[in-house]
Amino acid sequence: MAPNSKPPVVKIMDYGKFKYEAAQKEKEARRNQANTVLKEVRFRLKIEAHDYTTKLKRAEGFLKAGDKVKAMILFRGREQSRPEQGVRLLRKFAEDVAELGTVESNPTIDGRNMVMIVAPLKSKSEAKQEQNAVRDAKKQAARDAKHEADAPAEAAAE
């Protein structure tokens, strides 16, 4: 299209198709929009190894999805007099998730809790695009498998 040329060049198009394509682009843009959420993982100071690994896997899933993780240790009773053990546990947690995230705020005591925030290495939008690409690949593989299954049936019918 060139409105300033002599004579002006225009493109005749289907308005319904134009509106449909614009709506599809808008829908795709909404799908790729990402909001970073702060997820929380709570520990007790005396946590068993298996429980710790369970919480660690949960936090790794949050970080892979591009969300920030708030690691919180709940102190009860005499545990409050030993904050250094809480710092040690949170540092171990930070080392264990180091390949997925970085410590955004160091351990701080907030009342009866000790809190540390870990930010993901990749942004929420990158994680979402990666997730969409995997989903689209699966859809395409399913379509291809369906077409391959239909092809022998059509060949046999002829």
Protein backbone atom coordinates (compact mmCIF):
# COMPACT_ATOMS: atom_id res chain seq x y z
CA MET A 1 0.00 0.00 0.00
CA ALA A 2 1.36 3.36 -1.02
CA PRO A 3 -1.05 6.26 -0.47
CA ASN A 4 1.42 8.93 -1.71
CA SER A 5 2.14 7.32 -5.08
CA LYS A 6 0.48 8.39 -8.35
CA PRO A 7 -2.00 6.70 -8.74
CA PRO A 8 -2.48 5.58 -5.09
CA VAL A 9 -2.00 1.86 -4.55
CA VAL A 10 -4.43 0.15 -2.18
CA LYS A 11 -5.11 -3.39 -1.05
CA ILE A 12 -8.65 -4.73 -1.00
CA MET A 13 -9.13 -7.10 1.90
CA ASP A 14 -11.77 -8.94 3.86
CA TYR A 15 -12.58 -6.86 6.95
CA GLY A 16 -13.76 -9.92 8.90
CA LYS A 17 -10.45 -11.65 8.24
CA PHE A 18 -8.59 -8.49 9.28
CA LYS A 19 -10.53 -8.30 12.58
CA TYR A 20 -9.95 -12.03 13.22
CA GLU A 21 -6.17 -11.73 12.67
CA ALA A 22 -6.00 -8.66 14.93
CA ALA A 23 -7.87 -10.56 17.67
CA GLN A 24 -5.47 -13.51 17.31
CA LYS A 25 -2.44 -11.22 17.67
CA GLU A 26 -3.98 -9.62 20.76
CA LYS A 27 -4.70 -13.04 22.26
CA GLU A 28 -1.09 -14.15 21.64
CA ALA A 29 0.23 -10.97 23.25
CA ARG A 30 -1.94 -11.61 26.33
CA ARG A 31 -0.69 -15.19 26.51
CA ASN A 32 2.95 -14.03 26.51
CA GLN A 33 2.30 -11.38 29.15
CA ALA A 34 3.88 -12.35 32.45
CA ASN A 35 3.45 -11.26 36.05
CA THR A 36 6.20 -12.25 38.47
CA VAL A 37 4.71 -13.67 41.63
CA LEU A 38 6.33 -14.09 45.04
CA LYS A 39 5.92 -17.72 46.11
CA GLU A 40 6.59 -18.81 49.66
CA VAL A 41 8.33 -21.91 51.04
CA ARG A 42 8.16 -22.35 54.82
CA PHE A 43 10.65 -24.33 56.88
CA ARG A 44 10.94 -25.16 60.54
CA LEU A 45 14.38 -24.95 62.09
CA LYS A 46 14.45 -28.68 62.84
CA ILE A 47 13.56 -29.99 59.40
CA GLU A 48 14.27 -33.55 58.33
CA ALA A 49 16.28 -34.28 55.17
CA HIS A 50 13.34 -35.65 53.18
CA ASP A 51 11.10 -32.73 54.10
CA TYR A 52 13.88 -30.35 53.12
CA THR A 53 14.28 -31.97 49.69
CA THR A 54 10.52 -31.79 49.15
CA LYS A 55 10.51 -28.05 49.93
CA LEU A 56 13.62 -27.60 47.77
CA LYS A 57 11.98 -29.28 44.76
CA ARG A 58 8.91 -27.09 45.23
CA ALA A 59 11.08 -23.96 45.25
CA GLU A 60 13.01 -25.15 42.17
CA GLY A 61 9.70 -25.54 40.33
CA PHE A 62 8.75 -21.97 41.23
CA LEU A 63 12.14 -20.66 40.06
CA LYS A 64 11.93 -22.59 36.77
CA ALA A 65 8.53 -20.97 36.18
CA GLY A 66 10.16 -17.55 36.66
CA ASP A 67 8.66 -16.73 40.06
CA LYS A 68 10.52 -15.32 43.05
CA VAL A 69 10.73 -17.54 46.13
CA LYS A 70 10.44 -16.33 49.70
CA ALA A 71 12.15 -18.87 51.97
CA MET A 72 10.85 -18.50 55.51
CA ILE A 73 11.97 -20.24 58.68
CA LEU A 74 9.49 -20.31 61.54
CA PHE A 75 11.10 -20.13 65.00
CA ARG A 76 9.23 -21.49 68.01
CA GLY A 77 10.12 -21.34 71.68
CA ARG A 78 13.83 -21.74 72.39
CA GLU A 79 14.63 -21.84 68.68
CA GLN A 80 14.41 -18.04 68.71
CA SER A 81 17.62 -17.86 70.71
CA ARG A 82 19.54 -19.63 67.87
CA PRO A 83 19.18 -17.46 64.76
CA GLU A 84 22.61 -18.57 63.47
CA GLN A 85 21.16 -22.03 62.78
CA GLY A 86 18.42 -20.40 60.72
CA VAL A 87 21.01 -18.43 58.75
CA ARG A 88 22.95 -21.67 58.14
CA LEU A 89 19.81 -23.43 56.84
CA LEU A 90 18.91 -20.54 54.51
CA ARG A 91 22.49 -20.35 53.17
CA LYS A 92 22.34 -24.09 52.42
CA PHE A 93 19.01 -23.51 50.65
CA ALA A 94 20.57 -20.67 48.61
CA GLU A 95 23.48 -22.93 47.58
CA ASP A 96 21.08 -25.70 46.56
CA VAL A 97 19.06 -23.41 44.25
CA ALA A 98 22.09 -21.46 42.98
CA GLU A 99 21.81 -22.84 39.42
CA LEU A 100 18.20 -21.58 39.16
CA GLY A 101 18.24 -18.36 41.16
CA THR A 102 20.22 -15.75 43.03
CA VAL A 103 19.71 -14.38 46.54
CA GLU A 104 17.89 -11.07 46.27
CA SER A 105 17.72 -10.28 49.98
CA ASN A 106 19.91 -11.89 52.62
CA PRO A 107 18.35 -13.62 55.64
CA THR A 108 16.64 -11.13 57.94
CA ILE A 109 14.69 -11.70 61.15
CA ASP A 110 11.09 -10.56 61.00
CA GLY A 111 9.46 -11.17 64.37
CA ARG A 112 9.51 -14.93 64.96
CA ASN A 113 10.44 -15.64 61.33
CA MET A 114 13.63 -15.46 59.30
CA VAL A 115 13.11 -14.51 55.65
CA MET A 116 15.26 -14.69 52.51
CA ILE A 117 14.13 -13.91 48.94
CA VAL A 118 15.57 -15.76 45.93
CA ALA A 119 15.05 -14.32 42.44
CA PRO A 120 15.05 -16.55 39.32
CA LEU A 121 17.88 -16.31 36.79
CA LYS A 122 15.46 -16.18 33.84
CA SER A 123 12.53 -13.82 33.74
CA LYS A 124 8.90 -14.87 33.88
CA SER A 125 8.36 -13.96 30.21
CA GLU A 126 11.32 -16.11 29.10
CA ALA A 127 10.01 -19.04 31.14
CA LYS A 128 6.54 -18.54 29.69
CA GLN A 129 7.85 -18.43 26.11
CA GLU A 130 9.81 -21.62 26.74
CA GLN A 131 6.66 -23.24 28.15
CA ASN A 132 4.62 -22.11 25.13
CA ALA A 133 7.25 -23.47 22.73
CA VAL A 134 7.14 -26.88 24.45
CA ARG A 135 3.33 -26.87 24.33
CA ASP A 136 3.28 -25.93 20.64
CA ALA A 137 5.82 -28.67 19.84
CA LYS A 138 3.64 -31.24 21.62
CA LYS A 139 0.57 -30.06 19.68
CA GLN A 140 2.46 -30.30 16.40
CA ALA A 141 3.73 -33.79 17.27
CA ALA A 142 0.18 -34.89 18.08
CA ARG A 143 -1.08 -33.50 14.77
CA ASP A 144 1.72 -35.25 12.86
CA ALA A 145 0.99 -38.54 14.62
CA LYS A 146 -2.70 -38.21 13.76
CA HIS A 147 -1.94 -37.51 10.09
CA GLU A 148 0.42 -40.50 9.95
CA ALA A 149 -2.29 -42.72 11.45
CA ASP A 150 -4.85 -41.44 8.92
CA ALA A 151 -2.52 -41.89 5.91
CA PRO A 152 -2.39 -45.74 5.97
CA ALA A 153 -6.16 -45.90 6.34
CA GLU A 154 -6.61 -43.71 3.25
CA ALA A 155 -4.10 -45.76 1.26
CA ALA A 156 -5.93 -48.98 2.17
CA ALA A 157 -9.27 -47.47 1.09
CA GLU A 158 -7.92 -46.72 -2.41
